[in-house]
PDB file of N, CA and C in Angstrom:
ATOM      1  N   MET A   1       4.393  -2.883 -26.018  1.00  0.00           N
ATOM      2  CA  MET A   1       4.086  -1.592 -26.577  1.00  0.00           C
ATOM      3  C   MET A   1       5.143  -0.580 -26.130  1.00  0.00           C
ATOM      4  N   LYS A   2       5.688   0.152 -27.052  1.00  0.00           N
ATOM      5  CA  LYS A   2       6.759   1.102 -26.773  1.00  0.00           C
ATOM      6  C   LYS A   2       6.205   2.350 -26.076  1.00  0.00           C
ATOM      7  N   ASN A   3       6.879   2.775 -25.030  1.00  0.00           N
ATOM      8  CA  ASN A   3       6.503   3.975 -24.291  1.00  0.00           C
ATOM      9  C   ASN A   3       7.553   5.042 -24.605  1.00  0.00           C
ATOM     10  N   THR A   4       7.273   5.858 -25.606  1.00  0.00           N
ATOM     11  CA  THR A   4       8.258   6.840 -26.044  1.00  0.00           C
ATOM     12  C   THR A   4       8.524   7.911 -24.988  1.00  0.00           C
ATOM     13  N   ALA A   5       7.521   8.257 -24.190  1.00  0.00           N
ATOM     14  CA  ALA A   5       7.733   9.260 -23.140  1.00  0.00           C
ATOM     15  C   ALA A   5       8.749   8.753 -22.118  1.00  0.00           C
ATOM     16  N   LEU A   6       8.635   7.502 -21.720  1.00  0.00           N
ATOM     17  CA  LEU A   6       9.599   6.936 -20.773  1.00  0.00           C
ATOM     18  C   LEU A   6      10.970   6.814 -21.414  1.00  0.00           C
ATOM     19  N   LEU A   7      11.013   6.406 -22.642  1.00  0.00           N
ATOM     20  CA  LEU A   7      12.286   6.262 -23.342  1.00  0.00           C
ATOM     21  C   LEU A   7      13.011   7.604 -23.416  1.00  0.00           C
ATOM     22  N   GLU A   8      12.304   8.651 -23.791  1.00  0.00           N
ATOM     23  CA  GLU A   8      12.918   9.980 -23.863  1.00  0.00           C
ATOM     24  C   GLU A   8      13.378  10.452 -22.489  1.00  0.00           C
ATOM     25  N   TRP A   9      12.556  10.216 -21.472  1.00  0.00           N
ATOM     26  CA  TRP A   9      12.952  10.620 -20.131  1.00  0.00           C
ATOM     27  C   TRP A   9      14.199   9.870 -19.696  1.00  0.00           C
ATOM     28  N   ALA A  10      14.238   8.573 -19.927  1.00  0.00           N
ATOM     29  CA  ALA A  10      15.393   7.761 -19.526  1.00  0.00           C
ATOM     30  C   ALA A  10      16.673   8.227 -20.227  1.00  0.00           C
ATOM     31  N   LYS A  11      16.544   8.701 -21.448  1.00  0.00           N
ATOM     32  CA  LYS A  11      17.711   9.186 -22.189  1.00  0.00           C
ATOM     33  C   LYS A  11      18.249  10.490 -21.611  1.00  0.00           C
ATOM     34  N   THR A  12      17.363  11.334 -21.108  1.00  0.00           N
ATOM     35  CA  THR A  12      17.783  12.671 -20.688  1.00  0.00           C
ATOM     36  C   THR A  12      17.868  12.852 -19.177  1.00  0.00           C
ATOM     37  N   ALA A  13      17.355  11.913 -18.412  1.00  0.00           N
ATOM     38  CA  ALA A  13      17.356  12.031 -16.947  1.00  0.00           C
ATOM     39  C   ALA A  13      18.776  12.011 -16.400  1.00  0.00           C
ATOM     40  N   THR A  14      18.971  12.732 -15.331  1.00  0.00           N
ATOM     41  CA  THR A  14      20.266  12.704 -14.659  1.00  0.00           C
ATOM     42  C   THR A  14      20.419  11.370 -13.922  1.00  0.00           C
ATOM     43  N   ASP A  15      21.634  11.062 -13.561  1.00  0.00           N
ATOM     44  CA  ASP A  15      21.866   9.837 -12.788  1.00  0.00           C
ATOM     45  C   ASP A  15      21.102   9.878 -11.463  1.00  0.00           C
ATOM     46  N   GLU A  16      21.008  11.052 -10.863  1.00  0.00           N
ATOM     47  CA  GLU A  16      20.286  11.200  -9.598  1.00  0.00           C
ATOM     48  C   GLU A  16      18.793  10.941  -9.785  1.00  0.00           C
ATOM     49  N   GLN A  17      18.217  11.426 -10.869  1.00  0.00           N
ATOM     50  CA  GLN A  17      16.801  11.182 -11.139  1.00  0.00           C
ATOM     51  C   GLN A  17      16.546   9.683 -11.316  1.00  0.00           C
ATOM     52  N   VAL A  18      17.396   9.028 -12.068  1.00  0.00           N
ATOM     53  CA  VAL A  18      17.249   7.584 -12.271  1.00  0.00           C
ATOM     54  C   VAL A  18      17.407   6.860 -10.943  1.00  0.00           C
ATOM     55  N   LYS A  19      18.360   7.274 -10.141  1.00  0.00           N
ATOM     56  CA  LYS A  19      18.593   6.650  -8.834  1.00  0.00           C
ATOM     57  C   LYS A  19      17.351   6.726  -7.951  1.00  0.00           C
ATOM     58  N   ARG A  20      16.629   7.830  -8.019  1.00  0.00           N
ATOM     59  CA  ARG A  20      15.424   7.989  -7.196  1.00  0.00           C
ATOM     60  C   ARG A  20      14.302   7.026  -7.608  1.00  0.00           C
ATOM     61  N   THR A  21      14.364   6.473  -8.816  1.00  0.00           N
ATOM     62  CA  THR A  21      13.369   5.473  -9.209  1.00  0.00           C
ATOM     63  C   THR A  21      13.708   4.108  -8.614  1.00  0.00           C
ATOM     64  N   LYS A  22      14.909   3.978  -8.068  1.00  0.00           N
ATOM     65  CA  LYS A  22      15.409   2.752  -7.451  1.00  0.00           C
ATOM     66  C   LYS A  22      15.538   1.605  -8.456  1.00  0.00           C
ATOM     67  N   THR A  23      15.915   1.951  -9.686  1.00  0.00           N
ATOM     68  CA  THR A  23      16.229   0.956 -10.703  1.00  0.00           C
ATOM     69  C   THR A  23      17.338   1.524 -11.570  1.00  0.00           C
ATOM     70  N   THR A  24      17.635   0.854 -12.642  1.00  0.00           N
ATOM     71  CA  THR A  24      18.711   1.302 -13.523  1.00  0.00           C
ATOM     72  C   THR A  24      18.150   1.912 -14.801  1.00  0.00           C
ATOM     73  N   ARG A  25      18.973   2.682 -15.455  1.00  0.00           N
ATOM     74  CA  ARG A  25      18.600   3.258 -16.739  1.00  0.00           C
ATOM     75  C   ARG A  25      18.306   2.144 -17.746  1.00  0.00           C
ATOM     76  N   GLY A  26      19.080   1.077 -17.685  1.00  0.00           N
ATOM     77  CA  GLY A  26      18.867  -0.061 -18.578  1.00  0.00           C
ATOM     78  C   GLY A  26      17.516  -0.720 -18.353  1.00  0.00           C
ATOM     79  N   TYR A  27      17.124  -0.870 -17.101  1.00  0.00           N
ATOM     80  CA  TYR A  27      15.823  -1.472 -16.815  1.00  0.00           C
ATOM     81  C   TYR A  27      14.694  -0.546 -17.261  1.00  0.00           C
ATOM     82  N   LEU A  28      14.871   0.755 -17.088  1.00  0.00           N
ATOM     83  CA  LEU A  28      13.879   1.705 -17.570  1.00  0.00           C
ATOM     84  C   LEU A  28      13.710   1.590 -19.081  1.00  0.00           C
ATOM     85  N   ARG A  29      14.818   1.390 -19.798  1.00  0.00           N
ATOM     86  CA  ARG A  29      14.736   1.194 -21.250  1.00  0.00           C
ATOM     87  C   ARG A  29      13.996  -0.093 -21.586  1.00  0.00           C
ATOM     88  N   GLN A  30      14.230  -1.143 -20.811  1.00  0.00           N
ATOM     89  CA  GLN A  30      13.514  -2.408 -21.040  1.00  0.00           C
ATOM     90  C   GLN A  30      12.010  -2.219 -20.874  1.00  0.00           C
ATOM     91  N   ILE A  31      11.618  -1.442 -19.882  1.00  0.00           N
ATOM     92  CA  ILE A  31      10.202  -1.128 -19.691  1.00  0.00           C
ATOM     93  C   ILE A  31       9.697  -0.298 -20.864  1.00  0.00           C
ATOM     94  N   ALA A  32      10.469   0.715 -21.238  1.00  0.00           N
ATOM     95  CA  ALA A  32      10.054   1.612 -22.325  1.00  0.00           C
ATOM     96  C   ALA A  32       9.851   0.859 -23.637  1.00  0.00           C
ATOM     97  N   TYR A  33      10.677  -0.131 -23.904  1.00  0.00           N
ATOM     98  CA  TYR A  33      10.557  -0.899 -25.144  1.00  0.00           C
ATOM     99  C   TYR A  33       9.524  -2.023 -25.047  1.00  0.00           C
ATOM    100  N   GLY A  34       8.921  -2.192 -23.868  1.00  0.00           N
ATOM    101  CA  GLY A  34       7.883  -3.197 -23.703  1.00  0.00           C
ATOM    102  C   GLY A  34       8.402  -4.594 -23.412  1.00  0.00           C
ATOM    103  N   ASN A  35       9.687  -4.712 -23.102  1.00  0.00           N
ATOM    104  CA  ASN A  35      10.262  -6.018 -22.786  1.00  0.00           C
ATOM    105  C   ASN A  35      10.045  -6.427 -21.330  1.00  0.00           C
ATOM    106  N   LYS A  36       9.826  -5.460 -20.472  1.00  0.00           N
ATOM    107  CA  LYS A  36       9.578  -5.694 -19.041  1.00  0.00           C
ATOM    108  C   LYS A  36       8.372  -4.868 -18.620  1.00  0.00           C
ATOM    109  N   THR A  37       7.763  -5.273 -17.511  1.00  0.00           N
ATOM    110  CA  THR A  37       6.652  -4.526 -16.937  1.00  0.00           C
ATOM    111  C   THR A  37       7.106  -3.931 -15.613  1.00  0.00           C
ATOM    112  N   ALA A  38       6.817  -2.672 -15.418  1.00  0.00           N
ATOM    113  CA  ALA A  38       7.164  -2.020 -14.153  1.00  0.00           C
ATOM    114  C   ALA A  38       6.290  -2.574 -13.041  1.00  0.00           C
ATOM    115  N   SER A  39       6.884  -2.832 -11.900  1.00  0.00           N
ATOM    116  CA  SER A  39       6.082  -3.208 -10.730  1.00  0.00           C
ATOM    117  C   SER A  39       5.215  -2.010 -10.356  1.00  0.00           C
ATOM    118  N   ALA A  40       4.229  -2.247  -9.519  1.00  0.00           N
ATOM    119  CA  ALA A  40       3.368  -1.151  -9.071  1.00  0.00           C
ATOM    120  C   ALA A  40       4.192  -0.081  -8.361  1.00  0.00           C
ATOM    121  N   GLU A  41       5.126  -0.511  -7.538  1.00  0.00           N
ATOM    122  CA  GLU A  41       5.966   0.430  -6.805  1.00  0.00           C
ATOM    123  C   GLU A  41       6.836   1.250  -7.752  1.00  0.00           C
ATOM    124  N   LEU A  42       7.434   0.573  -8.723  1.00  0.00           N
ATOM    125  CA  LEU A  42       8.289   1.271  -9.676  1.00  0.00           C
ATOM    126  C   LEU A  42       7.469   2.215 -10.544  1.00  0.00           C
ATOM    127  N   ALA A  43       6.291   1.791 -10.953  1.00  0.00           N
ATOM    128  CA  ALA A  43       5.423   2.657 -11.759  1.00  0.00           C
ATOM    129  C   ALA A  43       5.099   3.942 -10.999  1.00  0.00           C
ATOM    130  N   SER A  44       4.843   3.822  -9.715  1.00  0.00           N
ATOM    131  CA  SER A  44       4.558   5.006  -8.893  1.00  0.00           C
ATOM    132  C   SER A  44       5.772   5.923  -8.806  1.00  0.00           C
ATOM    133  N   ARG A  45       6.955   5.336  -8.621  1.00  0.00           N
ATOM    134  CA  ARG A  45       8.168   6.146  -8.535  1.00  0.00           C
ATOM    135  C   ARG A  45       8.465   6.838  -9.863  1.00  0.00           C
ATOM    136  N   ILE A  46       8.251   6.134 -10.973  1.00  0.00           N
ATOM    137  CA  ILE A  46       8.488   6.730 -12.289  1.00  0.00           C
ATOM    138  C   ILE A  46       7.523   7.894 -12.511  1.00  0.00           C
ATOM    139  N   GLU A  47       6.247   7.694 -12.199  1.00  0.00           N
ATOM    140  CA  GLU A  47       5.272   8.767 -12.365  1.00  0.00           C
ATOM    141  C   GLU A  47       5.672   9.991 -11.548  1.00  0.00           C
ATOM    142  N   LYS A  48       6.094   9.769 -10.323  1.00  0.00           N
ATOM    143  CA  LYS A  48       6.505  10.877  -9.455  1.00  0.00           C
ATOM    144  C   LYS A  48       7.745  11.575 -10.009  1.00  0.00           C
ATOM    145  N   GLU A  49       8.723  10.795 -10.416  1.00  0.00           N
ATOM    146  CA  GLU A  49       9.993  11.368 -10.877  1.00  0.00           C
ATOM    147  C   GLU A  49       9.856  12.088 -12.214  1.00  0.00           C
ATOM    148  N   THR A  50       8.915  11.661 -13.038  1.00  0.00           N
ATOM    149  CA  THR A  50       8.703  12.315 -14.339  1.00  0.00           C
ATOM    150  C   THR A  50       7.649  13.419 -14.247  1.00  0.00           C
ATOM    151  N   PHE A  51       7.195  13.708 -13.032  1.00  0.00           N
ATOM    152  CA  PHE A  51       6.166  14.736 -12.806  1.00  0.00           C
ATOM    153  C   PHE A  51       4.920  14.468 -13.644  1.00  0.00           C
ATOM    154  N   GLY A  52       4.592  13.173 -13.780  1.00  0.00           N
ATOM    155  CA  GLY A  52       3.363  12.787 -14.450  1.00  0.00           C
ATOM    156  C   GLY A  52       3.429  12.693 -15.963  1.00  0.00           C
ATOM    157  N   SER A  53       4.598  12.925 -16.542  1.00  0.00           N
ATOM    158  CA  SER A  53       4.675  12.785 -18.003  1.00  0.00           C
ATOM    159  C   SER A  53       4.636  11.318 -18.417  1.00  0.00           C
ATOM    160  N   VAL A  54       4.982  10.434 -17.497  1.00  0.00           N
ATOM    161  CA  VAL A  54       4.811   8.988 -17.675  1.00  0.00           C
ATOM    162  C   VAL A  54       3.944   8.538 -16.511  1.00  0.00           C
ATOM    163  N   THR A  55       2.773   8.013 -16.807  1.00  0.00           N
ATOM    164  CA  THR A  55       1.813   7.697 -15.747  1.00  0.00           C
ATOM    165  C   THR A  55       1.785   6.217 -15.385  1.00  0.00           C
ATOM    166  N   ARG A  56       1.234   5.955 -14.213  1.00  0.00           N
ATOM    167  CA  ARG A  56       1.032   4.571 -13.781  1.00  0.00           C
ATOM    168  C   ARG A  56       0.097   3.852 -14.741  1.00  0.00           C
ATOM    169  N   LYS A  57      -0.887   4.568 -15.255  1.00  0.00           N
ATOM    170  CA  LYS A  57      -1.822   3.969 -16.215  1.00  0.00           C
ATOM    171  C   LYS A  57      -1.095   3.518 -17.477  1.00  0.00           C
ATOM    172  N   GLN A  58      -0.155   4.310 -17.944  1.00  0.00           N
ATOM    173  CA  GLN A  58       0.617   3.943 -19.128  1.00  0.00           C
ATOM    174  C   GLN A  58       1.511   2.733 -18.858  1.00  0.00           C
ATOM    175  N   LEU A  59       2.084   2.709 -17.675  1.00  0.00           N
ATOM    176  CA  LEU A  59       3.040   1.660 -17.337  1.00  0.00           C
ATOM    177  C   LEU A  59       2.376   0.337 -16.982  1.00  0.00           C
ATOM    178  N   ARG A  60       1.132   0.376 -16.502  1.00  0.00           N
ATOM    179  CA  ARG A  60       0.401  -0.827 -16.105  1.00  0.00           C
ATOM    180  C   ARG A  60      -0.991  -0.810 -16.750  1.00  0.00           C
ATOM    181  N   PRO A  61      -1.086  -0.802 -18.085  1.00  0.00           N
ATOM    182  CA  PRO A  61      -2.384  -0.626 -18.746  1.00  0.00           C
ATOM    183  C   PRO A  61      -3.389  -1.741 -18.482  1.00  0.00           C
ATOM    184  N   ASP A  62      -2.927  -2.927 -18.168  1.00  0.00           N
ATOM    185  CA  ASP A  62      -3.842  -4.057 -17.992  1.00  0.00           C
ATOM    186  C   ASP A  62      -4.425  -4.182 -16.587  1.00  0.00           C
ATOM    187  N   ASP A  63      -3.763  -3.592 -15.596  1.00  0.00           N
ATOM    188  CA  ASP A  63      -4.245  -3.808 -14.227  1.00  0.00           C
ATOM    189  C   ASP A  63      -4.226  -2.576 -13.329  1.00  0.00           C
ATOM    190  N   TRP A  64      -4.021  -1.396 -13.896  1.00  0.00           N
ATOM    191  CA  TRP A  64      -3.960  -0.209 -13.039  1.00  0.00           C
ATOM    192  C   TRP A  64      -5.257   0.013 -12.271  1.00  0.00           C
ATOM    193  N   ARG A  65      -6.395  -0.369 -12.850  1.00  0.00           N
ATOM    194  CA  ARG A  65      -7.680  -0.160 -12.165  1.00  0.00           C
ATOM    195  C   ARG A  65      -7.790  -1.009 -10.893  1.00  0.00           C
ATOM    196  N   VAL A  66      -7.156  -2.158 -10.903  1.00  0.00           N
ATOM    197  CA  VAL A  66      -7.158  -3.043  -9.731  1.00  0.00           C
ATOM    198  C   VAL A  66      -6.192  -2.525  -8.670  1.00  0.00           C
ATOM    199  N   ILE A  67      -5.022  -2.085  -9.114  1.00  0.00           N
ATOM    200  CA  ILE A  67      -3.988  -1.624  -8.182  1.00  0.00           C
ATOM    201  C   ILE A  67      -4.338  -0.272  -7.582  1.00  0.00           C
ATOM    202  N   TRP A  68      -4.809   0.650  -8.430  1.00  0.00           N
ATOM    203  CA  TRP A  68      -5.115   2.010  -8.008  1.00  0.00           C
ATOM    204  C   TRP A  68      -6.562   2.367  -8.370  1.00  0.00           C
ATOM    205  N   PRO A  69      -7.558   1.780  -7.725  1.00  0.00           N
ATOM    206  CA  PRO A  69      -8.955   2.048  -8.097  1.00  0.00           C
ATOM    207  C   PRO A  69      -9.333   3.523  -7.954  1.00  0.00           C
ATOM    208  N   GLU A  70      -8.634   4.233  -7.092  1.00  0.00           N
ATOM    209  CA  GLU A  70      -8.944   5.653  -6.895  1.00  0.00           C
ATOM    210  C   GLU A  70      -8.690   6.478  -8.159  1.00  0.00           C
ATOM    211  N   LEU A  71      -7.864   5.978  -9.067  1.00  0.00           N
ATOM    212  CA  LEU A  71      -7.593   6.703 -10.312  1.00  0.00           C
ATOM    213  C   LEU A  71      -8.776   6.616 -11.279  1.00  0.00           C
ATOM    214  N   SER A  72      -9.656   5.668 -11.090  1.00  0.00           N
ATOM    215  CA  SER A  72     -10.824   5.495 -11.966  1.00  0.00           C
ATOM    216  C   SER A  72     -11.913   6.520 -11.683  1.00  0.00           C
ATOM    217  N   VAL A  73     -11.893   7.109 -10.503  1.00  0.00           N
ATOM    218  CA  VAL A  73     -12.945   8.014 -10.069  1.00  0.00           C
ATOM    219  C   VAL A  73     -12.976   9.282 -10.913  1.00  0.00           C
ATOM    220  N   ALA A  74     -11.825   9.814 -11.220  1.00  0.00           N
ATOM    221  CA  ALA A  74     -11.752  11.111 -11.928  1.00  0.00           C
ATOM    222  C   ALA A  74     -12.091  10.992 -13.378  1.00  0.00           C
TER     223      ALA A  74
END
């Protein structure tokens, strides 16, 4: 499933912003196009770096409740 919010962010993010996710712009595009799945750690870094415009729930739709059960409370 394509994540357009991540794709747009990856296109416009500075090199420093991408560096803080600890991955590459190319890998972020692979995630955005649905070819790869972000690890839990990477999903957290992406959410933080995008100030929540791309969420862990979006990046890990099948298992976010298991990884981050505290997000289910709200």
